[in-house]
C-alpha atoms as a PDB file:
ATOM      1  CA  MET A   1      57.412 -25.458  61.229  1.00  0.00           C
ATOM      2  CA  LYS A   2      58.973 -27.749  58.658  1.00  0.00           C
ATOM      3  CA  ARG A   3      61.141 -25.871  56.195  1.00  0.00           C
ATOM      4  CA  SER A   4      60.572 -26.091  52.441  1.00  0.00           C
ATOM      5  CA  ARG A   5      63.634 -27.292  50.541  1.00  0.00           C
ATOM      6  CA  VAL A   6      64.415 -25.319  47.371  1.00  0.00           C
ATOM      7  CA  LEU A   7      66.657 -26.236  44.427  1.00  0.00           C
ATOM      8  CA  ILE A   8      67.877 -23.314  42.271  1.00  0.00           C
ATOM      9  CA  ALA A   9      68.637 -23.927  38.579  1.00  0.00           C
ATOM     10  CA  ASP A  10      70.038 -21.068  36.504  1.00  0.00           C
ATOM     11  CA  ASP A  11      73.075 -20.875  34.255  1.00  0.00           C
ATOM     12  CA  HIS A  12      74.060 -17.434  35.593  1.00  0.00           C
ATOM     13  CA  GLU A  13      75.940 -17.609  38.881  1.00  0.00           C
ATOM     14  CA  VAL A  14      74.987 -14.072  39.877  1.00  0.00           C
ATOM     15  CA  VAL A  15      71.285 -14.934  39.511  1.00  0.00           C
ATOM     16  CA  ARG A  16      71.646 -18.115  41.578  1.00  0.00           C
ATOM     17  CA  ARG A  17      73.559 -16.231  44.257  1.00  0.00           C
ATOM     18  CA  GLY A  18      70.934 -13.476  44.401  1.00  0.00           C
ATOM     19  CA  ILE A  19      68.072 -15.963  44.744  1.00  0.00           C
ATOM     20  CA  ARG A  20      69.953 -17.903  47.424  1.00  0.00           C
ATOM     21  CA  VAL A  21      70.605 -14.746  49.483  1.00  0.00           C
ATOM     22  CA  VAL A  22      66.906 -13.813  49.412  1.00  0.00           C
ATOM     23  CA  LEU A  23      65.680 -17.309  50.302  1.00  0.00           C
ATOM     24  CA  GLU A  24      68.213 -18.002  53.035  1.00  0.00           C
ATOM     25  CA  GLN A  25      66.970 -14.974  54.967  1.00  0.00           C
ATOM     26  CA  GLN A  26      63.673 -16.792  55.457  1.00  0.00           C
ATOM     27  CA  PRO A  27      63.566 -19.235  58.391  1.00  0.00           C
ATOM     28  CA  HIS A  28      60.946 -21.402  56.678  1.00  0.00           C
ATOM     29  CA  LEU A  29      63.027 -21.946  53.525  1.00  0.00           C
ATOM     30  CA  GLU A  30      66.183 -23.992  52.932  1.00  0.00           C
ATOM     31  CA  VAL A  31      68.262 -23.917  49.738  1.00  0.00           C
ATOM     32  CA  CYS A  32      69.301 -27.543  49.260  1.00  0.00           C
ATOM     33  CA  GLY A  33      71.300 -27.083  46.052  1.00  0.00           C
ATOM     34  CA  GLU A  34      72.269 -25.061  42.988  1.00  0.00           C
ATOM     35  CA  VAL A  35      72.820 -26.175  39.393  1.00  0.00           C
ATOM     36  CA  SER A  36      73.823 -24.445  36.176  1.00  0.00           C
ATOM     37  CA  ASP A  37      72.263 -26.688  33.497  1.00  0.00           C
ATOM     38  CA  GLY A  38      68.959 -28.463  32.959  1.00  0.00           C
ATOM     39  CA  ARG A  39      70.347 -31.990  32.951  1.00  0.00           C
ATOM     40  CA  GLU A  40      71.983 -31.485  36.336  1.00  0.00           C
ATOM     41  CA  ALA A  41      68.702 -29.991  37.598  1.00  0.00           C
ATOM     42  CA  VAL A  42      66.896 -33.230  36.763  1.00  0.00           C
ATOM     43  CA  ARG A  43      69.608 -35.314  38.425  1.00  0.00           C
ATOM     44  CA  LEU A  44      69.747 -33.271  41.633  1.00  0.00           C
ATOM     45  CA  ALA A  45      65.970 -32.983  41.888  1.00  0.00           C
ATOM     46  CA  ALA A  46      65.829 -36.784  41.964  1.00  0.00           C
ATOM     47  CA  ALA A  47      68.701 -37.021  44.458  1.00  0.00           C
ATOM     48  CA  LEU A  48      67.824 -34.182  46.848  1.00  0.00           C
ATOM     49  CA  LYS A  49      64.011 -34.401  46.751  1.00  0.00           C
ATOM     50  CA  PRO A  50      63.335 -30.646  47.030  1.00  0.00           C
ATOM     51  CA  ASN A  51      59.826 -29.352  47.652  1.00  0.00           C
ATOM     52  CA  ILE A  52      60.301 -26.537  45.148  1.00  0.00           C
ATOM     53  CA  VAL A  53      62.510 -26.120  42.081  1.00  0.00           C
ATOM     54  CA  ILE A  54      63.191 -22.629  40.738  1.00  0.00           C
ATOM     55  CA  ILE A  55      64.385 -23.006  37.145  1.00  0.00           C
ATOM     56  CA  ASP A  56      65.347 -20.682  34.319  1.00  0.00           C
ATOM     57  CA  ILE A  57      63.576 -21.459  31.060  1.00  0.00           C
ATOM     58  CA  SER A  58      66.798 -20.988  29.037  1.00  0.00           C
ATOM     59  CA  MET A  59      69.296 -23.579  30.241  1.00  0.00           C
ATOM     60  CA  PRO A  60      72.194 -25.374  28.480  1.00  0.00           C
ATOM     61  CA  LEU A  61      72.173 -29.142  27.778  1.00  0.00           C
ATOM     62  CA  LEU A  62      68.464 -29.381  28.674  1.00  0.00           C
ATOM     63  CA  ASN A  63      66.141 -26.379  28.552  1.00  0.00           C
ATOM     64  CA  GLY A  64      63.947 -25.424  31.490  1.00  0.00           C
ATOM     65  CA  LEU A  65      60.737 -26.680  29.885  1.00  0.00           C
ATOM     66  CA  GLU A  66      62.077 -30.165  29.204  1.00  0.00           C
ATOM     67  CA  ALA A  67      63.809 -30.281  32.581  1.00  0.00           C
ATOM     68  CA  THR A  68      60.501 -29.338  34.226  1.00  0.00           C
ATOM     69  CA  ARG A  69      58.712 -32.185  32.431  1.00  0.00           C
ATOM     70  CA  GLN A  70      61.305 -34.698  33.570  1.00  0.00           C
ATOM     71  CA  ILE A  71      61.515 -33.414  37.141  1.00  0.00           C
ATOM     72  CA  ILE A  72      57.747 -33.583  37.620  1.00  0.00           C
ATOM     73  CA  HIS A  73      57.569 -36.997  35.964  1.00  0.00           C
ATOM     74  CA  GLN A  74      60.196 -38.356  38.374  1.00  0.00           C
ATOM     75  CA  ASN A  75      58.937 -36.432  41.427  1.00  0.00           C
ATOM     76  CA  PRO A  76      55.177 -35.784  41.080  1.00  0.00           C
ATOM     77  CA  GLY A  77      55.009 -33.907  44.390  1.00  0.00           C
ATOM     78  CA  VAL A  78      57.599 -31.261  43.505  1.00  0.00           C
ATOM     79  CA  LYS A  79      56.432 -27.733  42.639  1.00  0.00           C
ATOM     80  CA  VAL A  80      58.282 -25.921  39.840  1.00  0.00           C
ATOM     81  CA  LEU A  81      58.615 -22.153  39.521  1.00  0.00           C
ATOM     82  CA  VAL A  82      59.805 -21.128  36.048  1.00  0.00           C
ATOM     83  CA  LEU A  83      61.870 -17.979  35.592  1.00  0.00           C
ATOM     84  CA  THR A  84      61.912 -16.254  32.223  1.00  0.00           C
ATOM     85  CA  MET A  85      62.567 -12.917  30.581  1.00  0.00           C
ATOM     86  CA  HIS A  86      59.454 -13.194  28.389  1.00  0.00           C
ATOM     87  CA  GLU A  87      55.662 -13.126  28.730  1.00  0.00           C
ATOM     88  CA  SER A  88      54.449 -14.387  25.361  1.00  0.00           C
ATOM     89  CA  GLU A  89      51.296 -16.495  25.115  1.00  0.00           C
ATOM     90  CA  GLN A  90      53.225 -19.363  23.505  1.00  0.00           C
ATOM     91  CA  ILE A  91      55.754 -19.560  26.335  1.00  0.00           C
ATOM     92  CA  VAL A  92      52.993 -19.335  28.969  1.00  0.00           C
ATOM     93  CA  ARG A  93      51.186 -22.244  27.326  1.00  0.00           C
ATOM     94  CA  ASP A  94      54.414 -24.258  27.078  1.00  0.00           C
ATOM     95  CA  VAL A  95      55.184 -23.654  30.757  1.00  0.00           C
ATOM     96  CA  LEU A  96      51.709 -24.773  31.826  1.00  0.00           C
ATOM     97  CA  ALA A  97      51.900 -27.843  29.565  1.00  0.00           C
ATOM     98  CA  ALA A  98      55.219 -28.791  31.165  1.00  0.00           C
ATOM     99  CA  GLY A  99      53.502 -28.904  34.560  1.00  0.00           C
ATOM    100  CA  ALA A 100      54.994 -25.841  36.277  1.00  0.00           C
ATOM    101  CA  ARG A 101      52.936 -24.295  39.083  1.00  0.00           C
ATOM    102  CA  GLY A 102      54.473 -20.831  38.911  1.00  0.00           C
ATOM    103  CA  TYR A 103      55.679 -18.397  36.253  1.00  0.00           C
ATOM    104  CA  LEU A 104      57.853 -15.446  37.267  1.00  0.00           C
ATOM    105  CA  VAL A 105      59.349 -12.865  34.932  1.00  0.00           C
ATOM    106  CA  LYS A 106      62.935 -12.097  35.931  1.00  0.00           C
ATOM    107  CA  SER A 107      62.303  -8.360  35.948  1.00  0.00           C
ATOM    108  CA  ASP A 108      59.717  -8.945  38.717  1.00  0.00           C
ATOM    109  CA  ALA A 109      61.811 -11.398  40.735  1.00  0.00           C
ATOM    110  CA  GLY A 110      63.126  -8.791  43.158  1.00  0.00           C
ATOM    111  CA  ARG A 111      59.572  -7.891  44.121  1.00  0.00           C
ATOM    112  CA  ASP A 112      57.695 -11.187  43.745  1.00  0.00           C
ATOM    113  CA  LEU A 113      60.184 -14.020  44.353  1.00  0.00           C
ATOM    114  CA  LEU A 114      59.244 -14.677  47.981  1.00  0.00           C
ATOM    115  CA  ALA A 115      55.525 -14.406  47.259  1.00  0.00           C
ATOM    116  CA  ALA A 116      55.912 -16.923  44.435  1.00  0.00           C
ATOM    117  CA  VAL A 117      57.919 -19.399  46.517  1.00  0.00           C
ATOM    118  CA  ASP A 118      55.522 -19.095  49.457  1.00  0.00           C
ATOM    119  CA  ALA A 119      52.543 -19.680  47.146  1.00  0.00           C
ATOM    120  CA  LEU A 120      54.063 -22.906  45.824  1.00  0.00           C
ATOM    121  CA  ALA A 121      55.070 -23.990  49.328  1.00  0.00           C
ATOM    122  CA  GLY A 122      51.401 -23.555  50.283  1.00  0.00           C
ATOM    123  CA  ARG A 123      50.324 -25.769  47.361  1.00  0.00           C
ATOM    124  CA  LYS A 124      49.030 -22.792  45.384  1.00  0.00           C
ATOM    125  CA  THR A 125      49.994 -21.392  41.998  1.00  0.00           C
ATOM    126  CA  PHE A 126      51.707 -18.106  41.243  1.00  0.00           C
ATOM    127  CA  PHE A 127      51.471 -16.094  38.044  1.00  0.00           C
ATOM    128  CA  THR A 128      52.183 -12.409  37.550  1.00  0.00           C
ATOM    129  CA  SER A 129      49.175 -10.287  36.653  1.00  0.00           C
ATOM    130  CA  LYS A 130      50.117 -10.043  32.976  1.00  0.00           C
ATOM    131  CA  VAL A 131      50.599 -13.812  32.713  1.00  0.00           C
ATOM    132  CA  SER A 132      47.245 -14.368  34.446  1.00  0.00           C
ATOM    133  CA  GLU A 133      45.636 -12.124  31.829  1.00  0.00           C
ATOM    134  CA  ILE A 134      47.252 -14.166  29.047  1.00  0.00           C
ATOM    135  CA  ILE A 135      45.972 -17.418  30.591  1.00  0.00           C
ATOM    136  CA  LEU A 136      42.472 -16.017  31.046  1.00  0.00           C
ATOM    137  CA  GLY A 137      42.429 -14.588  27.522  1.00  0.00           C
ATOM    138  CA  THR A 138      43.606 -17.883  26.052  1.00  0.00           C
ATOM    139  CA  TYR A 139      40.771 -19.863  27.632  1.00  0.00           C
ATOM    140  CA  LEU A 140      38.106 -17.210  27.033  1.00  0.00           C
ATOM    141  CA  HIS A 141      38.921 -17.256  23.337  1.00  0.00           C
ATOM    142  CA  GLY A 142      38.874 -21.032  23.210  1.00  0.00           C
ATOM    143  CA  SER A 143      42.510 -21.383  22.213  1.00  0.00           C
ATOM    144  CA  SER A 144      43.413 -23.845  24.934  1.00  0.00           C
ATOM    145  CA  GLN A 145      44.511 -26.552  22.513  1.00  0.00           C
ATOM    146  CA  PRO A 146      48.155 -27.497  23.018  1.00  0.00           C
ATOM    147  CA  PRO A 147      50.555 -26.003  20.477  1.00  0.00           C
ATOM    148  CA  ALA A 148      51.821 -28.178  17.649  1.00  0.00           C
ATOM    149  CA  GLY A 149      55.475 -27.263  18.238  1.00  0.00           C
ATOM    150  CA  ALA A 150      57.651 -29.675  20.136  1.00  0.00           C
ATOM    151  CA  ASP A 151      54.716 -31.930  21.070  1.00  0.00           C
ATOM    152  CA  VAL A 152      55.180 -33.928  17.845  1.00  0.00           C
ATOM    153  CA  LEU A 153      58.486 -35.216  19.228  1.00  0.00           C
ATOM    154  CA  THR A 154      59.183 -37.714  21.983  1.00  0.00           C
ATOM    155  CA  ALA A 155      60.977 -36.562  25.134  1.00  0.00           C
ATOM    156  CA  ARG A 156      64.201 -38.169  23.921  1.00  0.00           C
ATOM    157  CA  GLU A 157      63.901 -36.521  20.510  1.00  0.00           C
ATOM    158  CA  ARG A 158      63.451 -33.118  22.175  1.00  0.00           C
ATOM    159  CA  GLU A 159      66.668 -33.724  24.096  1.00  0.00           C
ATOM    160  CA  VAL A 160      68.502 -34.619  20.895  1.00  0.00           C
ATOM    161  CA  VAL A 161      67.152 -31.519  19.124  1.00  0.00           C
ATOM    162  CA  GLN A 162      68.392 -29.199  21.849  1.00  0.00           C
ATOM    163  CA  LEU A 163      71.854 -30.721  22.033  1.00  0.00           C
ATOM    164  CA  LEU A 164      72.290 -30.687  18.236  1.00  0.00           C
ATOM    165  CA  ALA A 165      71.001 -27.109  18.066  1.00  0.00           C
ATOM    166  CA  GLU A 166      73.541 -26.142  20.731  1.00  0.00           C
ATOM    167  CA  GLY A 167      76.272 -27.301  18.369  1.00  0.00           C
ATOM    168  CA  LYS A 168      77.105 -30.732  19.764  1.00  0.00           C
ATOM    169  CA  SER A 169      78.231 -33.493  17.418  1.00  0.00           C
ATOM    170  CA  THR A 170      76.410 -36.812  17.180  1.00  0.00           C
ATOM    171  CA  LYS A 171      79.140 -38.418  19.291  1.00  0.00           C
ATOM    172  CA  GLU A 172      78.889 -35.687  21.949  1.00  0.00           C
ATOM    173  CA  VAL A 173      75.101 -36.112  22.059  1.00  0.00           C
ATOM    174  CA  ALA A 174      75.576 -39.851  22.529  1.00  0.00           C
ATOM    175  CA  VAL A 175      77.971 -39.320  25.453  1.00  0.00           C
ATOM    176  CA  THR A 176      75.699 -36.739  27.102  1.00  0.00           C
ATOM    177  CA  LEU A 177      72.616 -38.962  26.872  1.00  0.00           C
ATOM    178  CA  GLY A 178      74.392 -42.250  27.551  1.00  0.00           C
ATOM    179  CA  LEU A 179      73.368 -43.679  24.183  1.00  0.00           C
ATOM    180  CA  SER A 180      75.194 -45.298  21.291  1.00  0.00           C
ATOM    181  CA  VAL A 181      76.111 -43.164  18.296  1.00  0.00           C
ATOM    182  CA  LYS A 182      73.878 -45.355  16.132  1.00  0.00           C
ATOM    183  CA  THR A 183      70.889 -44.732  18.421  1.00  0.00           C
ATOM    184  CA  VAL A 184      71.444 -40.973  18.288  1.00  0.00           C
ATOM    185  CA  GLU A 185      71.681 -41.146  14.492  1.00  0.00           C
ATOM    186  CA  THR A 186      68.348 -42.993  14.445  1.00  0.00           C
ATOM    187  CA  HIS A 187      66.729 -40.363  16.686  1.00  0.00           C
ATOM    188  CA  ARG A 188      68.162 -37.618  14.482  1.00  0.00           C
ATOM    189  CA  SER A 189      66.767 -39.207  11.312  1.00  0.00           C
ATOM    190  CA  ASN A 190      63.345 -39.734  12.896  1.00  0.00           C
ATOM    191  CA  LEU A 191      63.008 -36.226  14.263  1.00  0.00           C
ATOM    192  CA  MET A 192      64.166 -34.578  11.030  1.00  0.00           C
ATOM    193  CA  ARG A 193      61.602 -36.652   9.148  1.00  0.00           C
ATOM    194  CA  LYS A 194      58.847 -35.671  11.601  1.00  0.00           C
ATOM    195  CA  LEU A 195      59.768 -31.985  11.417  1.00  0.00           C
ATOM    196  CA  ASP A 196      60.441 -32.048   7.672  1.00  0.00           C
ATOM    197  CA  VAL A 197      63.805 -30.339   8.114  1.00  0.00           C
ATOM    198  CA  HIS A 198      66.909 -31.177   6.119  1.00  0.00           C
ATOM    199  CA  SER A 199      69.794 -29.336   7.757  1.00  0.00           C
ATOM    200  CA  VAL A 200      71.190 -28.422  11.151  1.00  0.00           C
ATOM    201  CA  SER A 201      70.424 -24.752  10.496  1.00  0.00           C
ATOM    202  CA  GLN A 202      66.733 -25.609  10.041  1.00  0.00           C
ATOM    203  CA  LEU A 203      66.912 -27.652  13.231  1.00  0.00           C
ATOM    204  CA  VAL A 204      68.363 -24.667  15.101  1.00  0.00           C
ATOM    205  CA  LEU A 205      65.537 -22.470  13.814  1.00  0.00           C
ATOM    206  CA  TYR A 206      62.976 -25.027  15.003  1.00  0.00           C
ATOM    207  CA  ALA A 207      64.627 -25.163  18.446  1.00  0.00           C
ATOM    208  CA  VAL A 208      64.551 -21.364  18.749  1.00  0.00           C
ATOM    209  CA  ARG A 209      60.899 -21.125  17.686  1.00  0.00           C
ATOM    210  CA  ASN A 210      59.906 -23.759  20.253  1.00  0.00           C
ATOM    211  CA  ASN A 211      61.837 -22.212  23.154  1.00  0.00           C
ATOM    212  CA  MET A 212      64.340 -25.073  23.358  1.00  0.00           C
ATOM    213  CA  ILE A 213      67.331 -22.790  23.091  1.00  0.00           C
ATOM    214  CA  GLN A 214      67.849 -19.068  23.353  1.00  0.00           C
ATOM    215  CA  VAL A 215      69.771 -17.001  20.850  1.00  0.00           C
ATOM    216  CA  LEU A 216      71.473 -14.119  22.616  1.00  0.00           C
ATOM    217  CA  PRO A 217      71.800 -10.754  20.846  1.00  0.00           C
ATOM    218  CA  PRO A 218      75.321  -9.750  19.826  1.00  0.00           C
ATOM    219  CA  PRO A 219      77.200  -7.608  22.345  1.00  0.00           C
ATOM    220  CA  PRO A 220      77.149  -3.852  21.670  1.00  0.00           C
ATOM    221  CA  HIS A 221      80.145  -2.452  19.838  1.00  0.00           C
ATOM    222  CA  SER A 222      82.563  -0.630  22.082  1.00  0.00           C
ATOM    223  CA  ALA A 223      83.071   3.043  21.369  1.00  0.00           C
END
């Protein structure tokens, strides 16, 4: 039987290592690569041609949602399994809109990871029971319209938003995206006009609300 090739994308090494250990015990699965940021996930997905990409929704440089959009656009046959710590209706809708075929909450990964990967390998979808309830409830109540959110921006503008919200300067954004500083400045002006925001702090808030970046809680004080 032909093995399914899997690319793992998560910015936490211990998570990547744990997923790899589980998958490599299965004779029908092959881990073809690991990456720690969304931009590298897009690059390696194009280079390695995996059958399945397992990707964390909160990734540096390019978040999991935007990376999923780009990966599927470049490789229509690839199946994406999104990992996340959350089960909100907004995130579920964003994940589906990005084209992912599976949605796995990290707290369930130990139990459901193999079932999810096998479902995608068999050209099926995989959603935890709670996520399935959210999807069903959304459509039953007629709220299947796409969210306003990040959809008002172009793909390039969403990339610029994330990088600026992560604290990168205009020059650093230009280097990361392979653009001129002037082009980045134009994108920045356009997206701020579209979003009606007037400062980087407002841009950060927008990025957080639309799941482009994750704000981690402060560490607990030591006794």
